[in-house]
Amino acid sequence: MRFPTPVPEHLCTIIQLDPFGSIIDANGKFQEWLGPEKDPFQLLLEKYGNKEYLELKHRLKQRVLSSLANADKQIVDAYADASMQDVLRVILAQIVCDNSLAINIRKSALSTLEKLKSSNLNGLKEWISHVSSELLW
């Protein structure tokens, strides 16, 4: 839903950053992202966020990383479950941006996002072209 569309009563509001809030500064400049362990917003989520969601995200991230190292078919299959789509897109985008991970893993995550036709792919590719252009080759 786009602002300022009112949220229907049977739904609740959420915020999704994957991880665009951390890779573009207040001046609109792109910056390196060194993973969730060093990101202030991710640290706030760890401290105050929904513990069940965070545990699910951590477990899924490990499965995604394992799948990317082998083949991404499991991720694409999991994406068929609509309830998993948002968290999988977040995890994959964070992997793409995480400069502490191997480049082949990051490229595989980007390739998987392309297969999934991720809604934030254009913004992610713009960041890549400014900060991690080696992922596009």
N, C-alpha and C. Protein backbone atom coordinates (compact mmCIF):
# COMPACT_ATOMS: atom_id res chain seq x y z
N MET A 1 0.85 -1.18 0.00
CA MET A 1 0.00 0.00 0.00
C MET A 1 0.89 1.24 0.00
N ARG A 2 0.48 2.22 -0.70
CA ARG A 2 1.25 3.45 -0.77
C ARG A 2 0.64 4.52 0.13
N PHE A 3 1.50 5.30 0.78
CA PHE A 3 1.06 6.42 1.57
C PHE A 3 0.36 7.41 0.66
N PRO A 4 -0.74 8.02 1.04
CA PRO A 4 -1.42 8.00 2.32
C PRO A 4 -2.66 7.10 2.34
N THR A 5 -2.66 6.01 1.60
CA THR A 5 -3.80 5.10 1.60
C THR A 5 -4.07 4.62 3.03
N PRO A 6 -5.30 4.77 3.52
CA PRO A 6 -5.58 4.30 4.89
C PRO A 6 -5.46 2.77 4.98
N VAL A 7 -5.00 2.31 6.11
CA VAL A 7 -4.87 0.88 6.34
C VAL A 7 -6.22 0.34 6.78
N PRO A 8 -6.76 -0.67 6.08
CA PRO A 8 -8.06 -1.26 6.48
C PRO A 8 -7.99 -1.77 7.92
N GLU A 9 -9.11 -1.76 8.60
CA GLU A 9 -9.16 -2.13 10.02
C GLU A 9 -8.67 -3.54 10.29
N HIS A 10 -8.85 -4.47 9.34
CA HIS A 10 -8.45 -5.85 9.59
C HIS A 10 -6.95 -6.08 9.35
N LEU A 11 -6.20 -5.03 8.97
CA LEU A 11 -4.76 -5.14 8.75
C LEU A 11 -4.02 -4.26 9.76
N CYS A 12 -2.72 -4.45 9.85
CA CYS A 12 -1.90 -3.58 10.70
C CYS A 12 -0.76 -3.01 9.86
N THR A 13 -0.14 -1.96 10.33
CA THR A 13 0.96 -1.35 9.59
C THR A 13 2.28 -2.01 9.97
N ILE A 14 3.18 -2.10 9.01
CA ILE A 14 4.54 -2.59 9.26
C ILE A 14 5.50 -1.71 8.48
N ILE A 15 6.76 -1.84 8.77
CA ILE A 15 7.78 -1.14 7.99
C ILE A 15 8.74 -2.21 7.47
N GLN A 16 9.19 -2.04 6.24
CA GLN A 16 10.13 -2.99 5.66
C GLN A 16 11.32 -2.23 5.11
N LEU A 17 12.50 -2.56 5.62
CA LEU A 17 13.74 -1.98 5.14
C LEU A 17 14.64 -3.14 4.76
N ASP A 18 15.12 -3.18 3.52
CA ASP A 18 15.89 -4.36 3.14
C ASP A 18 17.11 -4.07 2.31
N PRO A 19 18.11 -3.54 2.84
CA PRO A 19 18.32 -2.68 4.00
C PRO A 19 18.46 -1.22 3.56
N PHE A 20 17.57 -0.73 2.72
CA PHE A 20 17.73 0.59 2.11
C PHE A 20 17.87 1.73 3.12
N GLY A 21 17.28 1.59 4.30
CA GLY A 21 17.42 2.64 5.30
C GLY A 21 18.85 2.82 5.77
N SER A 22 19.67 1.81 5.60
CA SER A 22 21.05 1.87 6.07
C SER A 22 22.06 2.11 4.97
N ILE A 23 21.69 1.91 3.73
CA ILE A 23 22.68 2.03 2.66
C ILE A 23 22.59 3.34 1.90
N ILE A 24 21.62 4.17 2.25
CA ILE A 24 21.50 5.50 1.67
C ILE A 24 21.46 6.48 2.83
N ASP A 25 22.42 7.41 2.86
CA ASP A 25 22.47 8.33 4.00
C ASP A 25 21.48 9.48 3.83
N ALA A 26 21.46 10.38 4.80
CA ALA A 26 20.50 11.49 4.82
C ALA A 26 20.67 12.43 3.62
N ASN A 27 21.84 12.41 3.00
CA ASN A 27 22.09 13.25 1.82
C ASN A 27 21.81 12.50 0.52
N GLY A 28 21.31 11.29 0.61
CA GLY A 28 21.00 10.50 -0.58
C GLY A 28 22.21 9.82 -1.20
N LYS A 29 23.32 9.79 -0.46
CA LYS A 29 24.53 9.14 -0.97
C LYS A 29 24.53 7.67 -0.56
N PHE A 30 25.00 6.83 -1.48
CA PHE A 30 25.06 5.40 -1.22
C PHE A 30 26.29 5.09 -0.39
N GLN A 31 26.14 4.14 0.53
CA GLN A 31 27.25 3.77 1.39
C GLN A 31 27.33 2.26 1.56
N GLU A 32 28.50 1.79 1.93
CA GLU A 32 28.72 0.37 2.14
C GLU A 32 27.90 -0.13 3.32
N TRP A 33 27.47 -1.38 3.25
CA TRP A 33 26.72 -2.00 4.36
C TRP A 33 27.49 -3.22 4.80
N LEU A 34 27.84 -3.29 6.07
CA LEU A 34 28.68 -4.36 6.57
C LEU A 34 27.90 -5.43 7.33
N GLY A 35 26.64 -5.58 7.00
CA GLY A 35 25.84 -6.64 7.58
C GLY A 35 25.07 -6.22 8.82
N PRO A 36 24.11 -7.04 9.22
CA PRO A 36 23.21 -6.69 10.32
C PRO A 36 23.92 -6.56 11.67
N GLU A 37 25.07 -7.22 11.83
CA GLU A 37 25.76 -7.16 13.11
C GLU A 37 26.33 -5.78 13.42
N LYS A 38 26.47 -4.92 12.39
CA LYS A 38 27.05 -3.59 12.58
C LYS A 38 26.08 -2.48 12.20
N ASP A 39 24.84 -2.83 11.94
CA ASP A 39 23.86 -1.84 11.49
C ASP A 39 23.02 -1.36 12.68
N PRO A 40 22.98 -0.04 12.92
CA PRO A 40 22.22 0.47 14.09
C PRO A 40 20.75 0.07 14.09
N PHE A 41 20.09 0.11 12.93
CA PHE A 41 18.68 -0.26 12.88
C PHE A 41 18.49 -1.74 13.20
N GLN A 42 19.34 -2.59 12.64
CA GLN A 42 19.24 -4.02 12.91
C GLN A 42 19.50 -4.31 14.39
N LEU A 43 20.41 -3.56 15.00
CA LEU A 43 20.67 -3.72 16.43
C LEU A 43 19.46 -3.32 17.26
N LEU A 44 18.76 -2.26 16.83
CA LEU A 44 17.52 -1.87 17.51
C LEU A 44 16.47 -2.97 17.38
N LEU A 45 16.36 -3.56 16.19
CA LEU A 45 15.41 -4.67 16.01
C LEU A 45 15.75 -5.83 16.95
N GLU A 46 17.04 -6.14 17.07
CA GLU A 46 17.45 -7.22 17.96
C GLU A 46 17.05 -6.92 19.41
N LYS A 47 17.19 -5.66 19.80
CA LYS A 47 16.91 -5.29 21.19
C LYS A 47 15.41 -5.16 21.47
N TYR A 48 14.66 -4.55 20.53
CA TYR A 48 13.26 -4.23 20.80
C TYR A 48 12.25 -4.92 19.89
N GLY A 49 12.72 -5.59 18.85
CA GLY A 49 11.82 -6.15 17.86
C GLY A 49 11.10 -7.40 18.33
N ASN A 50 10.21 -7.87 17.50
CA ASN A 50 9.44 -9.09 17.76
C ASN A 50 10.40 -10.28 17.76
N LYS A 51 10.56 -10.93 18.90
CA LYS A 51 11.54 -12.01 19.06
C LYS A 51 11.24 -13.20 18.16
N GLU A 52 9.96 -13.56 18.01
CA GLU A 52 9.61 -14.70 17.15
C GLU A 52 10.00 -14.42 15.70
N TYR A 53 9.71 -13.20 15.22
CA TYR A 53 10.06 -12.84 13.86
C TYR A 53 11.58 -12.87 13.68
N LEU A 54 12.30 -12.31 14.64
CA LEU A 54 13.76 -12.27 14.52
C LEU A 54 14.36 -13.66 14.53
N GLU A 55 13.84 -14.55 15.36
CA GLU A 55 14.33 -15.94 15.37
C GLU A 55 14.04 -16.61 14.04
N LEU A 56 12.83 -16.41 13.50
CA LEU A 56 12.49 -16.95 12.18
C LEU A 56 13.45 -16.40 11.13
N LYS A 57 13.71 -15.11 11.18
CA LYS A 57 14.60 -14.48 10.20
C LYS A 57 16.01 -15.07 10.29
N HIS A 58 16.53 -15.26 11.50
CA HIS A 58 17.87 -15.84 11.66
C HIS A 58 17.92 -17.26 11.12
N ARG A 59 16.91 -18.08 11.45
CA ARG A 59 16.88 -19.45 10.93
C ARG A 59 16.79 -19.47 9.42
N LEU A 60 15.92 -18.60 8.87
CA LEU A 60 15.78 -18.54 7.42
C LEU A 60 17.05 -18.06 6.75
N LYS A 61 17.72 -17.10 7.35
CA LYS A 61 18.96 -16.60 6.76
C LYS A 61 19.98 -17.72 6.64
N GLN A 62 20.10 -18.54 7.68
CA GLN A 62 21.05 -19.66 7.61
C GLN A 62 20.66 -20.64 6.50
N ARG A 63 19.36 -20.92 6.37
CA ARG A 63 18.90 -21.81 5.30
C ARG A 63 19.13 -21.19 3.93
N VAL A 64 18.88 -19.88 3.81
CA VAL A 64 19.09 -19.19 2.54
C VAL A 64 20.56 -19.22 2.16
N LEU A 65 21.44 -18.91 3.10
CA LEU A 65 22.88 -18.95 2.81
C LEU A 65 23.31 -20.35 2.38
N SER A 66 22.79 -21.36 3.05
CA SER A 66 23.10 -22.73 2.68
C SER A 66 22.59 -23.06 1.28
N SER A 67 21.38 -22.62 0.99
CA SER A 67 20.79 -22.87 -0.33
C SER A 67 21.53 -22.13 -1.43
N LEU A 68 21.97 -20.91 -1.15
CA LEU A 68 22.70 -20.13 -2.15
C LEU A 68 24.04 -20.78 -2.47
N ALA A 69 24.64 -21.41 -1.46
CA ALA A 69 25.92 -22.06 -1.69
C ALA A 69 25.77 -23.27 -2.60
N ASN A 70 24.58 -23.86 -2.61
CA ASN A 70 24.34 -25.05 -3.42
C ASN A 70 23.53 -24.71 -4.67
N ALA A 71 22.27 -24.41 -4.46
CA ALA A 71 21.37 -24.04 -5.56
C ALA A 71 20.22 -23.28 -4.93
N ASP A 72 19.62 -22.37 -5.71
CA ASP A 72 18.58 -21.52 -5.11
C ASP A 72 17.17 -22.07 -5.28
N LYS A 73 17.02 -23.29 -5.76
CA LYS A 73 15.69 -23.86 -5.99
C LYS A 73 14.85 -23.89 -4.71
N GLN A 74 15.48 -24.22 -3.58
CA GLN A 74 14.74 -24.28 -2.32
C GLN A 74 14.17 -22.91 -1.95
N ILE A 75 14.91 -21.86 -2.24
CA ILE A 75 14.45 -20.51 -1.93
C ILE A 75 13.26 -20.15 -2.80
N VAL A 76 13.37 -20.46 -4.08
CA VAL A 76 12.28 -20.16 -5.02
C VAL A 76 11.03 -20.94 -4.60
N ASP A 77 11.20 -22.19 -4.19
CA ASP A 77 10.06 -22.99 -3.72
C ASP A 77 9.45 -22.39 -2.46
N ALA A 78 10.29 -21.97 -1.51
CA ALA A 78 9.79 -21.36 -0.27
C ALA A 78 9.05 -20.06 -0.56
N TYR A 79 9.47 -19.35 -1.60
CA TYR A 79 8.88 -18.06 -1.96
C TYR A 79 7.43 -18.23 -2.43
N ALA A 80 7.06 -19.43 -2.82
CA ALA A 80 5.68 -19.68 -3.24
C ALA A 80 4.70 -19.47 -2.09
N ASP A 81 5.19 -19.59 -0.86
CA ASP A 81 4.36 -19.33 0.33
C ASP A 81 4.32 -17.81 0.54
N ALA A 82 3.16 -17.21 0.30
CA ALA A 82 3.03 -15.75 0.36
C ALA A 82 3.45 -15.18 1.71
N SER A 83 3.29 -15.95 2.78
CA SER A 83 3.65 -15.44 4.11
C SER A 83 5.17 -15.34 4.29
N MET A 84 5.93 -15.97 3.41
CA MET A 84 7.39 -15.95 3.52
C MET A 84 8.05 -14.94 2.58
N GLN A 85 7.30 -14.36 1.68
CA GLN A 85 7.90 -13.54 0.63
C GLN A 85 8.63 -12.31 1.16
N ASP A 86 8.00 -11.56 2.05
CA ASP A 86 8.65 -10.34 2.57
C ASP A 86 9.96 -10.65 3.27
N VAL A 87 9.94 -11.62 4.17
CA VAL A 87 11.14 -11.92 4.94
C VAL A 87 12.24 -12.48 4.03
N LEU A 88 11.88 -13.27 3.04
CA LEU A 88 12.89 -13.79 2.12
C LEU A 88 13.51 -12.68 1.28
N ARG A 89 12.70 -11.72 0.84
CA ARG A 89 13.25 -10.58 0.09
C ARG A 89 14.20 -9.76 0.97
N VAL A 90 13.82 -9.56 2.22
CA VAL A 90 14.68 -8.81 3.15
C VAL A 90 16.01 -9.54 3.32
N ILE A 91 15.96 -10.82 3.60
CA ILE A 91 17.17 -11.60 3.83
C ILE A 91 18.06 -11.58 2.59
N LEU A 92 17.48 -11.82 1.42
CA LEU A 92 18.27 -11.84 0.19
C LEU A 92 18.91 -10.48 -0.09
N ALA A 93 18.15 -9.40 0.09
CA ALA A 93 18.71 -8.06 -0.15
C ALA A 93 19.83 -7.77 0.84
N GLN A 94 19.67 -8.18 2.09
CA GLN A 94 20.73 -7.96 3.07
C GLN A 94 21.98 -8.75 2.71
N ILE A 95 21.80 -9.96 2.21
CA ILE A 95 22.95 -10.76 1.78
C ILE A 95 23.67 -10.08 0.62
N VAL A 96 22.91 -9.57 -0.35
CA VAL A 96 23.51 -8.86 -1.49
C VAL A 96 24.36 -7.70 -1.01
N CYS A 97 23.89 -6.96 -0.03
CA CYS A 97 24.57 -5.75 0.44
C CYS A 97 25.66 -6.02 1.45
N ASP A 98 25.72 -7.19 2.00
CA ASP A 98 26.64 -7.49 3.10
C ASP A 98 28.05 -7.75 2.57
N ASN A 99 28.90 -6.75 2.66
CA ASN A 99 30.25 -6.81 2.13
C ASN A 99 31.14 -7.79 2.89
N SER A 100 30.67 -8.32 4.02
CA SER A 100 31.48 -9.28 4.76
C SER A 100 31.30 -10.70 4.22
N LEU A 101 30.37 -10.90 3.29
CA LEU A 101 30.13 -12.23 2.70
C LEU A 101 30.89 -12.38 1.38
N ALA A 102 31.12 -13.61 0.98
CA ALA A 102 31.83 -13.89 -0.27
C ALA A 102 31.02 -13.37 -1.46
N ILE A 103 31.72 -12.90 -2.48
CA ILE A 103 31.06 -12.29 -3.63
C ILE A 103 30.17 -13.28 -4.37
N ASN A 104 30.57 -14.55 -4.44
CA ASN A 104 29.74 -15.53 -5.15
C ASN A 104 28.39 -15.74 -4.44
N ILE A 105 28.39 -15.67 -3.11
CA ILE A 105 27.14 -15.79 -2.35
C ILE A 105 26.27 -14.56 -2.63
N ARG A 106 26.89 -13.38 -2.62
CA ARG A 106 26.15 -12.14 -2.86
C ARG A 106 25.56 -12.13 -4.28
N LYS A 107 26.34 -12.58 -5.26
CA LYS A 107 25.85 -12.63 -6.64
C LYS A 107 24.69 -13.63 -6.76
N SER A 108 24.81 -14.74 -6.07
CA SER A 108 23.75 -15.74 -6.10
C SER A 108 22.46 -15.20 -5.50
N ALA A 109 22.58 -14.43 -4.41
CA ALA A 109 21.40 -13.81 -3.80
C ALA A 109 20.75 -12.82 -4.76
N LEU A 110 21.57 -12.04 -5.47
CA LEU A 110 21.05 -11.09 -6.45
C LEU A 110 20.34 -11.83 -7.59
N SER A 111 20.95 -12.89 -8.06
CA SER A 111 20.35 -13.71 -9.12
C SER A 111 19.00 -14.28 -8.67
N THR A 112 18.93 -14.71 -7.42
CA THR A 112 17.68 -15.26 -6.89
C THR A 112 16.61 -14.18 -6.80
N LEU A 113 16.99 -12.98 -6.37
CA LEU A 113 16.02 -11.87 -6.33
C LEU A 113 15.50 -11.56 -7.73
N GLU A 114 16.36 -11.66 -8.74
CA GLU A 114 15.91 -11.44 -10.12
C GLU A 114 14.90 -12.50 -10.53
N LYS A 115 15.18 -13.76 -10.17
CA LYS A 115 14.23 -14.85 -10.48
C LYS A 115 12.89 -14.63 -9.80
N LEU A 116 12.92 -14.07 -8.59
CA LEU A 116 11.70 -13.84 -7.82
C LEU A 116 10.99 -12.55 -8.23
N LYS A 117 11.63 -11.78 -9.13
CA LYS A 117 11.08 -10.49 -9.57
C LYS A 117 10.79 -9.60 -8.37
N SER A 118 11.80 -9.45 -7.54
CA SER A 118 11.68 -8.67 -6.30
C SER A 118 11.22 -7.26 -6.57
N SER A 119 10.31 -6.77 -5.73
CA SER A 119 9.75 -5.43 -5.91
C SER A 119 10.78 -4.34 -5.68
N ASN A 120 11.84 -4.60 -4.93
CA ASN A 120 12.85 -3.58 -4.63
C ASN A 120 14.12 -3.74 -5.45
N LEU A 121 14.08 -4.56 -6.50
CA LEU A 121 15.27 -4.87 -7.26
C LEU A 121 15.89 -3.64 -7.92
N ASN A 122 15.09 -2.73 -8.43
CA ASN A 122 15.65 -1.54 -9.08
C ASN A 122 16.45 -0.69 -8.11
N GLY A 123 15.92 -0.46 -6.92
CA GLY A 123 16.65 0.31 -5.91
C GLY A 123 17.92 -0.40 -5.48
N LEU A 124 17.86 -1.70 -5.35
CA LEU A 124 19.02 -2.48 -4.96
C LEU A 124 20.10 -2.40 -6.04
N LYS A 125 19.71 -2.51 -7.30
CA LYS A 125 20.69 -2.43 -8.39
C LYS A 125 21.31 -1.04 -8.48
N GLU A 126 20.55 -0.02 -8.15
CA GLU A 126 21.11 1.33 -8.15
C GLU A 126 22.19 1.43 -7.07
N TRP A 127 21.92 0.87 -5.89
CA TRP A 127 22.94 0.86 -4.84
C TRP A 127 24.16 0.08 -5.30
N ILE A 128 23.94 -1.08 -5.91
CA ILE A 128 25.05 -1.91 -6.38
C ILE A 128 25.92 -1.14 -7.37
N SER A 129 25.30 -0.43 -8.29
CA SER A 129 26.07 0.30 -9.30
C SER A 129 26.94 1.38 -8.67
N HIS A 130 26.53 1.92 -7.52
CA HIS A 130 27.31 2.96 -6.86
C HIS A 130 28.36 2.41 -5.89
N VAL A 131 28.05 1.28 -5.25
CA VAL A 131 28.89 0.81 -4.15
C VAL A 131 29.57 -0.52 -4.42
N SER A 132 28.90 -1.45 -5.08
CA SER A 132 29.44 -2.80 -5.30
C SER A 132 29.23 -3.23 -6.74
N SER A 133 29.77 -2.45 -7.66
CA SER A 133 29.53 -2.73 -9.09
C SER A 133 30.07 -4.08 -9.51
N GLU A 134 31.00 -4.66 -8.74
CA GLU A 134 31.55 -5.98 -9.10
C GLU A 134 30.47 -7.05 -9.08
N LEU A 135 29.34 -6.82 -8.38
CA LEU A 135 28.25 -7.80 -8.34
C LEU A 135 27.51 -7.89 -9.67
N LEU A 136 27.61 -6.86 -10.48
CA LEU A 136 26.87 -6.85 -11.76
C LEU A 136 27.66 -7.50 -12.89
N TRP A 137 28.91 -7.84 -12.65
CA TRP A 137 29.72 -8.44 -13.72
C TRP A 137 29.68 -9.93 -13.66
